[in-house]
Amino acid sequence: LDISGAFDIVIRNRLILRLREQSWPILFIKWVKSFISDRKALVHNGYSTTLPKTELEYRAPQGSPISPIVSILYFSPILKINNPNVRFRYTDDVAILAVGADTKETTRKLQWEL
């Protein structure tokens, strides 16, 4: 699985709610909120640049070493391990490992995970 545009779809308020649900310390939650707030960008198409800067409400900053961690915390509800099938993940990529008695059973387990 590849969560296309994972950094682009981190919704600020939902991230903060998920951190609270995961029982992270309030100081950490405040730091993350500060980290993802007041982000702005310019768009340059080769000929002109947008002004003023556009506020980015729905993304984690790309290029920061913290962003993959923020994304993992944000997407954790869909990445939880609920059964013996194993999920390996990094940022926006997820691999699911399932073992069955035959191809049909293994396929059924993988489809259930999706």
PDB file of N, CA and C in Angstrom:
ATOM      1  N   LEU A   1       0.846  -1.183   0.000  1.00  0.00           N
ATOM      2  CA  LEU A   1       0.000   0.000   0.000  1.00  0.00           C
ATOM      3  C   LEU A   1       0.881   1.231   0.000  1.00  0.00           C
ATOM      4  N   ASP A   2       0.454   2.240  -0.685  1.00  0.00           N
ATOM      5  CA  ASP A   2       1.159   3.520  -0.678  1.00  0.00           C
ATOM      6  C   ASP A   2       0.115   4.604  -0.479  1.00  0.00           C
ATOM      7  N   ILE A   3       0.213   5.321   0.618  1.00  0.00           N
ATOM      8  CA  ILE A   3      -0.732   6.395   0.902  1.00  0.00           C
ATOM      9  C   ILE A   3      -0.262   7.605   0.121  1.00  0.00           C
ATOM     10  N   SER A   4      -0.858   7.792  -1.034  1.00  0.00           N
ATOM     11  CA  SER A   4      -0.428   8.849  -1.946  1.00  0.00           C
ATOM     12  C   SER A   4      -0.598  10.226  -1.321  1.00  0.00           C
ATOM     13  N   GLY A   5       0.461  11.017  -1.365  1.00  0.00           N
ATOM     14  CA  GLY A   5       0.398  12.381  -0.835  1.00  0.00           C
ATOM     15  C   GLY A   5       0.197  12.420   0.667  1.00  0.00           C
ATOM     16  N   ALA A   6       0.800  11.489   1.385  1.00  0.00           N
ATOM     17  CA  ALA A   6       0.570  11.394   2.833  1.00  0.00           C
ATOM     18  C   ALA A   6       0.842  12.700   3.563  1.00  0.00           C
ATOM     19  N   PHE A   7       1.893  13.403   3.182  1.00  0.00           N
ATOM     20  CA  PHE A   7       2.211  14.658   3.859  1.00  0.00           C
ATOM     21  C   PHE A   7       1.168  15.725   3.554  1.00  0.00           C
ATOM     22  N   ASP A   8       0.521  15.605   2.386  1.00  0.00           N
ATOM     23  CA  ASP A   8      -0.429  16.629   1.956  1.00  0.00           C
ATOM     24  C   ASP A   8      -1.787  16.530   2.630  1.00  0.00           C
ATOM     25  N   ILE A   9      -2.090  15.413   3.263  1.00  0.00           N
ATOM     26  CA  ILE A   9      -3.437  15.242   3.803  1.00  0.00           C
ATOM     27  C   ILE A   9      -3.484  15.132   5.321  1.00  0.00           C
ATOM     28  N   VAL A  10      -2.480  15.618   6.003  1.00  0.00           N
ATOM     29  CA  VAL A  10      -2.502  15.650   7.464  1.00  0.00           C
ATOM     30  C   VAL A  10      -3.315  16.872   7.888  1.00  0.00           C
ATOM     31  N   ILE A  11      -4.504  16.625   8.427  1.00  0.00           N
ATOM     32  CA  ILE A  11      -5.387  17.706   8.864  1.00  0.00           C
ATOM     33  C   ILE A  11      -5.031  18.049  10.305  1.00  0.00           C
ATOM     34  N   ARG A  12      -4.680  19.301  10.515  1.00  0.00           N
ATOM     35  CA  ARG A  12      -4.159  19.772  11.801  1.00  0.00           C
ATOM     36  C   ARG A  12      -5.024  19.365  12.998  1.00  0.00           C
ATOM     37  N   ASN A  13      -6.300  19.727  12.985  1.00  0.00           N
ATOM     38  CA  ASN A  13      -7.162  19.452  14.140  1.00  0.00           C
ATOM     39  C   ASN A  13      -7.332  17.962  14.388  1.00  0.00           C
ATOM     40  N   ARG A  14      -7.405  17.192  13.311  1.00  0.00           N
ATOM     41  CA  ARG A  14      -7.547  15.745  13.468  1.00  0.00           C
ATOM     42  C   ARG A  14      -6.269  15.141  14.052  1.00  0.00           C
ATOM     43  N   LEU A  15      -5.109  15.651  13.641  1.00  0.00           N
ATOM     44  CA  LEU A  15      -3.845  15.169  14.205  1.00  0.00           C
ATOM     45  C   LEU A  15      -3.810  15.412  15.709  1.00  0.00           C
ATOM     46  N   ILE A  16      -4.175  16.615  16.133  1.00  0.00           N
ATOM     47  CA  ILE A  16      -4.164  16.942  17.566  1.00  0.00           C
ATOM     48  C   ILE A  16      -5.124  16.028  18.320  1.00  0.00           C
ATOM     49  N   LEU A  17      -6.308  15.788  17.755  1.00  0.00           N
ATOM     50  CA  LEU A  17      -7.277  14.882  18.380  1.00  0.00           C
ATOM     51  C   LEU A  17      -6.698  13.474  18.504  1.00  0.00           C
ATOM     52  N   ARG A  18      -6.039  12.998  17.464  1.00  0.00           N
ATOM     53  CA  ARG A  18      -5.457  11.648  17.512  1.00  0.00           C
ATOM     54  C   ARG A  18      -4.343  11.552  18.542  1.00  0.00           C
ATOM     55  N   LEU A  19      -3.549  12.599  18.672  1.00  0.00           N
ATOM     56  CA  LEU A  19      -2.490  12.584  19.690  1.00  0.00           C
ATOM     57  C   LEU A  19      -3.095  12.512  21.085  1.00  0.00           C
ATOM     58  N   ARG A  20      -4.194  13.233  21.299  1.00  0.00           N
ATOM     59  CA  ARG A  20      -4.883  13.161  22.605  1.00  0.00           C
ATOM     60  C   ARG A  20      -5.438  11.762  22.844  1.00  0.00           C
ATOM     61  N   GLU A  21      -6.051  11.180  21.811  1.00  0.00           N
ATOM     62  CA  GLU A  21      -6.593   9.820  21.930  1.00  0.00           C
ATOM     63  C   GLU A  21      -5.496   8.801  22.225  1.00  0.00           C
ATOM     64  N   GLN A  22      -4.287   9.056  21.738  1.00  0.00           N
ATOM     65  CA  GLN A  22      -3.155   8.159  21.956  1.00  0.00           C
ATOM     66  C   GLN A  22      -2.447   8.439  23.284  1.00  0.00           C
ATOM     67  N   SER A  23      -2.973   9.409  24.043  1.00  0.00           N
ATOM     68  CA  SER A  23      -2.469   9.759  25.387  1.00  0.00           C
ATOM     69  C   SER A  23      -1.040  10.292  25.381  1.00  0.00           C
ATOM     70  N   TRP A  24      -0.686  11.073  24.367  1.00  0.00           N
ATOM     71  CA  TRP A  24       0.618  11.719  24.365  1.00  0.00           C
ATOM     72  C   TRP A  24       0.618  12.847  25.382  1.00  0.00           C
ATOM     73  N   PRO A  25       1.765  13.173  25.991  1.00  0.00           N
ATOM     74  CA  PRO A  25       1.833  14.270  26.970  1.00  0.00           C
ATOM     75  C   PRO A  25       1.432  15.604  26.326  1.00  0.00           C
ATOM     76  N   ILE A  26       0.773  16.447  27.092  1.00  0.00           N
ATOM     77  CA  ILE A  26       0.267  17.722  26.594  1.00  0.00           C
ATOM     78  C   ILE A  26       1.380  18.600  26.019  1.00  0.00           C
ATOM     79  N   LEU A  27       2.570  18.571  26.619  1.00  0.00           N
ATOM     80  CA  LEU A  27       3.678  19.371  26.079  1.00  0.00           C
ATOM     81  C   LEU A  27       4.074  18.903  24.678  1.00  0.00           C
ATOM     82  N   PHE A  28       4.052  17.597  24.451  1.00  0.00           N
ATOM     83  CA  PHE A  28       4.345  17.063  23.118  1.00  0.00           C
ATOM     84  C   PHE A  28       3.270  17.489  22.125  1.00  0.00           C
ATOM     85  N   ILE A  29       2.006  17.410  22.540  1.00  0.00           N
ATOM     86  CA  ILE A  29       0.895  17.809  21.671  1.00  0.00           C
ATOM     87  C   ILE A  29       1.011  19.285  21.296  1.00  0.00           C
ATOM     88  N   LYS A  30       1.335  20.124  22.266  1.00  0.00           N
ATOM     89  CA  LYS A  30       1.504  21.558  21.989  1.00  0.00           C
ATOM     90  C   LYS A  30       2.671  21.793  21.030  1.00  0.00           C
ATOM     91  N   TRP A  31       3.752  21.041  21.198  1.00  0.00           N
ATOM     92  CA  TRP A  31       4.903  21.195  20.312  1.00  0.00           C
ATOM     93  C   TRP A  31       4.533  20.816  18.875  1.00  0.00           C
ATOM     94  N   VAL A  32       3.827  19.687  18.716  1.00  0.00           N
ATOM     95  CA  VAL A  32       3.410  19.249  17.380  1.00  0.00           C
ATOM     96  C   VAL A  32       2.471  20.277  16.757  1.00  0.00           C
ATOM     97  N   LYS A  33       1.546  20.802  17.558  1.00  0.00           N
ATOM     98  CA  LYS A  33       0.615  21.821  17.046  1.00  0.00           C
ATOM     99  C   LYS A  33       1.385  23.039  16.549  1.00  0.00           C
ATOM    100  N   SER A  34       2.387  23.450  17.297  1.00  0.00           N
ATOM    101  CA  SER A  34       3.219  24.578  16.885  1.00  0.00           C
ATOM    102  C   SER A  34       4.004  24.242  15.619  1.00  0.00           C
ATOM    103  N   PHE A  35       4.506  23.018  15.544  1.00  0.00           N
ATOM    104  CA  PHE A  35       5.305  22.568  14.403  1.00  0.00           C
ATOM    105  C   PHE A  35       4.515  22.604  13.099  1.00  0.00           C
ATOM    106  N   ILE A  36       3.216  22.245  13.162  1.00  0.00           N
ATOM    107  CA  ILE A  36       2.425  22.175  11.927  1.00  0.00           C
ATOM    108  C   ILE A  36       1.580  23.421  11.687  1.00  0.00           C
ATOM    109  N   SER A  37       1.654  24.402  12.571  1.00  0.00           N
ATOM    110  CA  SER A  37       0.848  25.618  12.418  1.00  0.00           C
ATOM    111  C   SER A  37       1.621  26.706  11.691  1.00  0.00           C
ATOM    112  N   ASP A  38       0.864  27.637  11.141  1.00  0.00           N
ATOM    113  CA  ASP A  38       1.428  28.817  10.473  1.00  0.00           C
ATOM    114  C   ASP A  38       2.426  28.459   9.378  1.00  0.00           C
ATOM    115  N   ARG A  39       2.121  27.439   8.613  1.00  0.00           N
ATOM    116  CA  ARG A  39       2.954  27.040   7.474  1.00  0.00           C
ATOM    117  C   ARG A  39       2.408  27.715   6.222  1.00  0.00           C
ATOM    118  N   LYS A  40       3.284  28.346   5.466  1.00  0.00           N
ATOM    119  CA  LYS A  40       2.887  29.038   4.242  1.00  0.00           C
ATOM    120  C   LYS A  40       3.826  28.652   3.111  1.00  0.00           C
ATOM    121  N   ALA A  41       3.328  28.804   1.889  1.00  0.00           N
ATOM    122  CA  ALA A  41       4.144  28.439   0.730  1.00  0.00           C
ATOM    123  C   ALA A  41       3.903  29.403  -0.422  1.00  0.00           C
ATOM    124  N   LEU A  42       4.922  29.530  -1.237  1.00  0.00           N
ATOM    125  CA  LEU A  42       4.828  30.259  -2.501  1.00  0.00           C
ATOM    126  C   LEU A  42       4.789  29.224  -3.618  1.00  0.00           C
ATOM    127  N   VAL A  43       4.035  29.515  -4.651  1.00  0.00           N
ATOM    128  CA  VAL A  43       4.002  28.636  -5.811  1.00  0.00           C
ATOM    129  C   VAL A  43       4.684  29.365  -6.960  1.00  0.00           C
ATOM    130  N   HIS A  44       5.704  28.733  -7.517  1.00  0.00           N
ATOM    131  CA  HIS A  44       6.447  29.330  -8.633  1.00  0.00           C
ATOM    132  C   HIS A  44       6.314  28.398  -9.831  1.00  0.00           C
ATOM    133  N   ASN A  45       5.817  28.927 -10.951  1.00  0.00           N
ATOM    134  CA  ASN A  45       5.592  28.088 -12.131  1.00  0.00           C
ATOM    135  C   ASN A  45       6.627  28.299 -13.234  1.00  0.00           C
ATOM    136  N   GLY A  46       7.697  28.974 -12.942  1.00  0.00           N
ATOM    137  CA  GLY A  46       8.723  29.235 -13.939  1.00  0.00           C
ATOM    138  C   GLY A  46       8.657  30.643 -14.498  1.00  0.00           C
ATOM    139  N   TYR A  47       7.478  31.246 -14.405  1.00  0.00           N
ATOM    140  CA  TYR A  47       7.299  32.602 -14.926  1.00  0.00           C
ATOM    141  C   TYR A  47       6.913  33.595 -13.841  1.00  0.00           C
ATOM    142  N   SER A  48       6.136  33.135 -12.888  1.00  0.00           N
ATOM    143  CA  SER A  48       5.679  34.044 -11.832  1.00  0.00           C
ATOM    144  C   SER A  48       5.565  33.294 -10.515  1.00  0.00           C
ATOM    145  N   THR A  49       5.423  34.053  -9.449  1.00  0.00           N
ATOM    146  CA  THR A  49       5.306  33.505  -8.101  1.00  0.00           C
ATOM    147  C   THR A  49       4.052  34.073  -7.458  1.00  0.00           C
ATOM    148  N   THR A  50       3.325  33.208  -6.731  1.00  0.00           N
ATOM    149  CA  THR A  50       2.116  33.675  -6.064  1.00  0.00           C
ATOM    150  C   THR A  50       2.469  34.565  -4.889  1.00  0.00           C
ATOM    151  N   LEU A  51       1.725  35.611  -4.730  1.00  0.00           N
ATOM    152  CA  LEU A  51       1.829  36.490  -3.569  1.00  0.00           C
ATOM    153  C   LEU A  51       0.423  36.877  -3.171  1.00  0.00           C
ATOM    154  N   PRO A  52       0.067  36.928  -1.934  1.00  0.00           N
ATOM    155  CA  PRO A  52       0.908  36.575  -0.788  1.00  0.00           C
ATOM    156  C   PRO A  52       1.056  35.058  -0.668  1.00  0.00           C
ATOM    157  N   LYS A  53       1.841  34.663   0.298  1.00  0.00           N
ATOM    158  CA  LYS A  53       2.025  33.242   0.546  1.00  0.00           C
ATOM    159  C   LYS A  53       0.682  32.618   0.930  1.00  0.00           C
ATOM    160  N   THR A  54       0.487  31.379   0.517  1.00  0.00           N
ATOM    161  CA  THR A  54      -0.739  30.648   0.814  1.00  0.00           C
ATOM    162  C   THR A  54      -0.535  29.821   2.072  1.00  0.00           C
ATOM    163  N   GLU A  55      -1.506  29.901   3.000  1.00  0.00           N
ATOM    164  CA  GLU A  55      -1.409  29.105   4.222  1.00  0.00           C
ATOM    165  C   GLU A  55      -1.727  27.650   3.896  1.00  0.00           C
ATOM    166  N   LEU A  56      -0.939  26.750   4.463  1.00  0.00           N
ATOM    167  CA  LEU A  56      -1.119  25.315   4.254  1.00  0.00           C
ATOM    168  C   LEU A  56      -1.818  24.727   5.467  1.00  0.00           C
ATOM    169  N   GLU A  57      -3.089  24.405   5.311  1.00  0.00           N
ATOM    170  CA  GLU A  57      -3.851  23.857   6.430  1.00  0.00           C
ATOM    171  C   GLU A  57      -3.791  22.344   6.496  1.00  0.00           C
ATOM    172  N   TYR A  58      -3.490  21.692   5.380  1.00  0.00           N
ATOM    173  CA  TYR A  58      -3.643  20.248   5.307  1.00  0.00           C
ATOM    174  C   TYR A  58      -2.358  19.525   4.968  1.00  0.00           C
ATOM    175  N   ARG A  59      -1.279  19.866   5.612  1.00  0.00           N
ATOM    176  CA  ARG A  59      -0.069  19.117   5.297  1.00  0.00           C
ATOM    177  C   ARG A  59       0.949  19.208   6.423  1.00  0.00           C
ATOM    178  N   ALA A  60       1.770  18.183   6.488  1.00  0.00           N
ATOM    179  CA  ALA A  60       2.929  18.197   7.377  1.00  0.00           C
ATOM    180  C   ALA A  60       4.092  18.712   6.539  1.00  0.00           C
ATOM    181  N   PRO A  61       5.003  19.454   7.143  1.00  0.00           N
ATOM    182  CA  PRO A  61       6.124  20.003   6.378  1.00  0.00           C
ATOM    183  C   PRO A  61       6.989  18.899   5.771  1.00  0.00           C
ATOM    184  N   GLN A  62       7.186  18.942   4.459  1.00  0.00           N
ATOM    185  CA  GLN A  62       8.062  17.969   3.816  1.00  0.00           C
ATOM    186  C   GLN A  62       9.507  18.407   3.978  1.00  0.00           C
ATOM    187  N   GLY A  63      10.402  17.433   4.054  1.00  0.00           N
ATOM    188  CA  GLY A  63      11.816  17.736   4.180  1.00  0.00           C
ATOM    189  C   GLY A  63      12.294  17.773   5.617  1.00  0.00           C
ATOM    190  N   SER A  64      11.372  17.807   6.553  1.00  0.00           N
ATOM    191  CA  SER A  64      11.748  17.803   7.963  1.00  0.00           C
ATOM    192  C   SER A  64      11.873  16.359   8.444  1.00  0.00           C
ATOM    193  N   PRO A  65      12.870  16.054   9.272  1.00  0.00           N
ATOM    194  CA  PRO A  65      12.989  14.690   9.788  1.00  0.00           C
ATOM    195  C   PRO A  65      11.852  14.319  10.737  1.00  0.00           C
ATOM    196  N   ILE A  66      11.103  15.310  11.206  1.00  0.00           N
ATOM    197  CA  ILE A  66       9.982  15.060  12.114  1.00  0.00           C
ATOM    198  C   ILE A  66       8.721  14.656  11.344  1.00  0.00           C
ATOM    199  N   SER A  67       8.592  15.080  10.098  1.00  0.00           N
ATOM    200  CA  SER A  67       7.372  14.838   9.321  1.00  0.00           C
ATOM    201  C   SER A  67       6.991  13.367   9.178  1.00  0.00           C
ATOM    202  N   PRO A  68       7.930  12.446   8.935  1.00  0.00           N
ATOM    203  CA  PRO A  68       7.530  11.037   8.876  1.00  0.00           C
ATOM    204  C   PRO A  68       6.922  10.545  10.187  1.00  0.00           C
ATOM    205  N   ILE A  69       7.440  11.011  11.313  1.00  0.00           N
ATOM    206  CA  ILE A  69       6.899  10.615  12.616  1.00  0.00           C
ATOM    207  C   ILE A  69       5.488  11.169  12.780  1.00  0.00           C
ATOM    208  N   VAL A  70       5.297  12.438  12.414  1.00  0.00           N
ATOM    209  CA  VAL A  70       3.972  13.058  12.496  1.00  0.00           C
ATOM    210  C   VAL A  70       2.984  12.284  11.623  1.00  0.00           C
ATOM    211  N   SER A  71       3.407  11.898  10.433  1.00  0.00           N
ATOM    212  CA  SER A  71       2.527  11.151   9.532  1.00  0.00           C
ATOM    213  C   SER A  71       2.162   9.785  10.102  1.00  0.00           C
ATOM    214  N   ILE A  72       3.128   9.098  10.687  1.00  0.00           N
ATOM    215  CA  ILE A  72       2.846   7.791  11.290  1.00  0.00           C
ATOM    216  C   ILE A  72       1.837   7.938  12.421  1.00  0.00           C
ATOM    217  N   LEU A  73       1.995   8.959  13.264  1.00  0.00           N
ATOM    218  CA  LEU A  73       1.043   9.184  14.353  1.00  0.00           C
ATOM    219  C   LEU A  73      -0.341   9.509  13.801  1.00  0.00           C
ATOM    220  N   TYR A  74      -0.389  10.285  12.729  1.00  0.00           N
ATOM    221  CA  TYR A  74      -1.662  10.681  12.123  1.00  0.00           C
ATOM    222  C   TYR A  74      -2.393   9.478  11.526  1.00  0.00           C
ATOM    223  N   PHE A  75      -1.655   8.627  10.827  1.00  0.00           N
ATOM    224  CA  PHE A  75      -2.272   7.489  10.157  1.00  0.00           C
ATOM    225  C   PHE A  75      -2.349   6.242  11.033  1.00  0.00           C
ATOM    226  N   SER A  76      -1.982   6.341  12.295  1.00  0.00           N
ATOM    227  CA  SER A  76      -1.945   5.166  13.166  1.00  0.00           C
ATOM    228  C   SER A  76      -3.262   4.403  13.247  1.00  0.00           C
ATOM    229  N   PRO A  77      -4.438   5.053  13.192  1.00  0.00           N
ATOM    230  CA  PRO A  77      -5.667   4.249  13.247  1.00  0.00           C
ATOM    231  C   PRO A  77      -5.783   3.222  12.119  1.00  0.00           C
ATOM    232  N   ILE A  78      -5.276   3.527  10.931  1.00  0.00           N
ATOM    233  CA  ILE A  78      -5.361   2.539   9.850  1.00  0.00           C
ATOM    234  C   ILE A  78      -4.151   1.617   9.820  1.00  0.00           C
ATOM    235  N   LEU A  79      -3.158   1.887  10.654  1.00  0.00           N
ATOM    236  CA  LEU A  79      -1.947   1.073  10.671  1.00  0.00           C
ATOM    237  C   LEU A  79      -1.871   0.134  11.864  1.00  0.00           C
ATOM    238  N   LYS A  80      -2.901   0.140  12.715  1.00  0.00           N
ATOM    239  CA  LYS A  80      -2.859  -0.689  13.923  1.00  0.00           C
ATOM    240  C   LYS A  80      -2.818  -2.164  13.572  1.00  0.00           C
ATOM    241  N   ILE A  81      -2.122  -2.887  14.415  1.00  0.00           N
ATOM    242  CA  ILE A  81      -2.085  -4.341  14.257  1.00  0.00           C
ATOM    243  C   ILE A  81      -3.233  -4.906  15.080  1.00  0.00           C
ATOM    244  N   ASN A  82      -4.237  -5.476  14.402  1.00  0.00           N
ATOM    245  CA  ASN A  82      -5.429  -5.989  15.083  1.00  0.00           C
ATOM    246  C   ASN A  82      -5.431  -7.502  15.216  1.00  0.00           C
ATOM    247  N   ASN A  83      -4.537  -8.167  14.540  1.00  0.00           N
ATOM    248  CA  ASN A  83      -4.557  -9.623  14.532  1.00  0.00           C
ATOM    249  C   ASN A  83      -3.152 -10.152  14.238  1.00  0.00           C
ATOM    250  N   PRO A  84      -3.024 -11.463  14.055  1.00  0.00           N
ATOM    251  CA  PRO A  84      -1.694 -12.036  13.832  1.00  0.00           C
ATOM    252  C   PRO A  84      -1.000 -11.587  12.548  1.00  0.00           C
ATOM    253  N   ASN A  85      -1.747 -11.060  11.578  1.00  0.00           N
ATOM    254  CA  ASN A  85      -1.096 -10.551  10.373  1.00  0.00           C
ATOM    255  C   ASN A  85      -0.228  -9.365  10.775  1.00  0.00           C
ATOM    256  N   VAL A  86       0.898  -9.219  10.144  1.00  0.00           N
ATOM    257  CA  VAL A  86       1.874  -8.212  10.553  1.00  0.00           C
ATOM    258  C   VAL A  86       1.903  -7.077   9.536  1.00  0.00           C
ATOM    259  N   ARG A  87       1.999  -5.845  10.046  1.00  0.00           N
ATOM    260  CA  ARG A  87       2.123  -4.679   9.177  1.00  0.00           C
ATOM    261  C   ARG A  87       3.484  -4.031   9.413  1.00  0.00           C
ATOM    262  N   PHE A  88       4.168  -3.773   8.329  1.00  0.00           N
ATOM    263  CA  PHE A  88       5.421  -3.029   8.369  1.00  0.00           C
ATOM    264  C   PHE A  88       5.126  -1.680   7.741  1.00  0.00           C
ATOM    265  N   ARG A  89       5.630  -0.616   8.332  1.00  0.00           N
ATOM    266  CA  ARG A  89       5.297   0.691   7.785  1.00  0.00           C
ATOM    267  C   ARG A  89       6.450   1.669   7.924  1.00  0.00           C
ATOM    268  N   TYR A  90       6.453   2.602   7.002  1.00  0.00           N
ATOM    269  CA  TYR A  90       7.338   3.759   7.083  1.00  0.00           C
ATOM    270  C   TYR A  90       6.646   4.898   6.358  1.00  0.00           C
ATOM    271  N   THR A  91       6.315   5.917   7.080  1.00  0.00           N
ATOM    272  CA  THR A  91       5.678   7.116   6.566  1.00  0.00           C
ATOM    273  C   THR A  91       4.430   6.798   5.764  1.00  0.00           C
ATOM    274  N   ASP A  92       4.519   6.813   4.440  1.00  0.00           N
ATOM    275  CA  ASP A  92       3.328   6.627   3.616  1.00  0.00           C
ATOM    276  C   ASP A  92       3.281   5.261   2.936  1.00  0.00           C
ATOM    277  N   ASP A  93       4.123   4.340   3.359  1.00  0.00           N
ATOM    278  CA  ASP A  93       4.146   3.005   2.772  1.00  0.00           C
ATOM    279  C   ASP A  93       3.813   1.970   3.833  1.00  0.00           C
ATOM    280  N   VAL A  94       2.975   1.014   3.460  1.00  0.00           N
ATOM    281  CA  VAL A  94       2.578  -0.051   4.374  1.00  0.00           C
ATOM    282  C   VAL A  94       2.705  -1.377   3.639  1.00  0.00           C
ATOM    283  N   ALA A  95       3.320  -2.347   4.281  1.00  0.00           N
ATOM    284  CA  ALA A  95       3.377  -3.705   3.743  1.00  0.00           C
ATOM    285  C   ALA A  95       2.696  -4.618   4.749  1.00  0.00           C
ATOM    286  N   ILE A  96       1.852  -5.508   4.265  1.00  0.00           N
ATOM    287  CA  ILE A  96       1.128  -6.421   5.141  1.00  0.00           C
ATOM    288  C   ILE A  96       1.609  -7.838   4.851  1.00  0.00           C
ATOM    289  N   LEU A  97       1.958  -8.547   5.905  1.00  0.00           N
ATOM    290  CA  LEU A  97       2.398  -9.933   5.782  1.00  0.00           C
ATOM    291  C   LEU A  97       1.329 -10.819   6.408  1.00  0.00           C
ATOM    292  N   ALA A  98       0.844 -11.773   5.649  1.00  0.00           N
ATOM    293  CA  ALA A  98      -0.132 -12.728   6.169  1.00  0.00           C
ATOM    294  C   ALA A  98       0.284 -14.122   5.725  1.00  0.00           C
ATOM    295  N   VAL A  99       0.036 -15.093   6.579  1.00  0.00           N
ATOM    296  CA  VAL A  99       0.376 -16.475   6.270  1.00  0.00           C
ATOM    297  C   VAL A  99      -0.894 -17.303   6.378  1.00  0.00           C
ATOM    298  N   GLY A 100      -1.141 -18.107   5.363  1.00  0.00           N
ATOM    299  CA  GLY A 100      -2.304 -18.981   5.370  1.00  0.00           C
ATOM    300  C   GLY A 100      -1.916 -20.376   4.930  1.00  0.00           C
ATOM    301  N   ALA A 101      -2.856 -21.302   5.061  1.00  0.00           N
ATOM    302  CA  ALA A 101      -2.607 -22.691   4.676  1.00  0.00           C
ATOM    303  C   ALA A 101      -2.425 -22.831   3.168  1.00  0.00           C
ATOM    304  N   ASP A 102      -3.056 -21.922   2.411  1.00  0.00           N
ATOM    305  CA  ASP A 102      -2.930 -21.942   0.958  1.00  0.00           C
ATOM    306  C   ASP A 102      -3.100 -20.519   0.425  1.00  0.00           C
ATOM    307  N   THR A 103      -2.987 -20.378  -0.890  1.00  0.00           N
ATOM    308  CA  THR A 103      -3.083 -19.050  -1.508  1.00  0.00           C
ATOM    309  C   THR A 103      -4.432 -18.401  -1.230  1.00  0.00           C
ATOM    310  N   LYS A 104      -5.493 -19.176  -1.288  1.00  0.00           N
ATOM    311  CA  LYS A 104      -6.846 -18.642  -1.078  1.00  0.00           C
ATOM    312  C   LYS A 104      -7.000 -18.055   0.327  1.00  0.00           C
ATOM    313  N   GLU A 105      -6.541 -18.790   1.335  1.00  0.00           N
ATOM    314  CA  GLU A 105      -6.631 -18.307   2.715  1.00  0.00           C
ATOM    315  C   GLU A 105      -5.756 -17.070   2.924  1.00  0.00           C
ATOM    316  N   THR A 106      -4.551 -17.089   2.382  1.00  0.00           N
ATOM    317  CA  THR A 106      -3.651 -15.939   2.517  1.00  0.00           C
ATOM    318  C   THR A 106      -4.257 -14.709   1.849  1.00  0.00           C
ATOM    319  N   THR A 107      -4.821 -14.885   0.655  1.00  0.00           N
ATOM    320  CA  THR A 107      -5.476 -13.774  -0.049  1.00  0.00           C
ATOM    321  C   THR A 107      -6.638 -13.231   0.765  1.00  0.00           C
ATOM    322  N   ARG A 108      -7.437 -14.111   1.353  1.00  0.00           N
ATOM    323  CA  ARG A 108      -8.573 -13.684   2.179  1.00  0.00           C
ATOM    324  C   ARG A 108      -8.099 -12.853   3.369  1.00  0.00           C
ATOM    325  N   LYS A 109      -7.027 -13.288   4.015  1.00  0.00           N
ATOM    326  CA  LYS A 109      -6.487 -12.545   5.160  1.00  0.00           C
ATOM    327  C   LYS A 109      -5.991 -11.164   4.738  1.00  0.00           C
ATOM    328  N   LEU A 110      -5.302 -11.100   3.619  1.00  0.00           N
ATOM    329  CA  LEU A 110      -4.798  -9.812   3.139  1.00  0.00           C
ATOM    330  C   LEU A 110      -5.940  -8.877   2.758  1.00  0.00           C
ATOM    331  N   GLN A 111      -6.967  -9.399   2.103  1.00  0.00           N
ATOM    332  CA  GLN A 111      -8.108  -8.564   1.733  1.00  0.00           C
ATOM    333  C   GLN A 111      -8.839  -8.055   2.973  1.00  0.00           C
ATOM    334  N   TRP A 112      -8.912  -8.873   4.010  1.00  0.00           N
ATOM    335  CA  TRP A 112      -9.559  -8.441   5.251  1.00  0.00           C
ATOM    336  C   TRP A 112      -8.798  -7.270   5.865  1.00  0.00           C
ATOM    337  N   GLU A 113      -7.480  -7.315   5.773  1.00  0.00           N
ATOM    338  CA  GLU A 113      -6.653  -6.242   6.324  1.00  0.00           C
ATOM    339  C   GLU A 113      -6.857  -4.922   5.593  1.00  0.00           C
ATOM    340  N   LEU A 114      -7.161  -4.980   4.303  1.00  0.00           N
ATOM    341  CA  LEU A 114      -7.360  -3.757   3.531  1.00  0.00           C
ATOM    342  C   LEU A 114      -8.689  -3.145   3.867  1.00  0.00           C
TER     343      LEU A 114
END
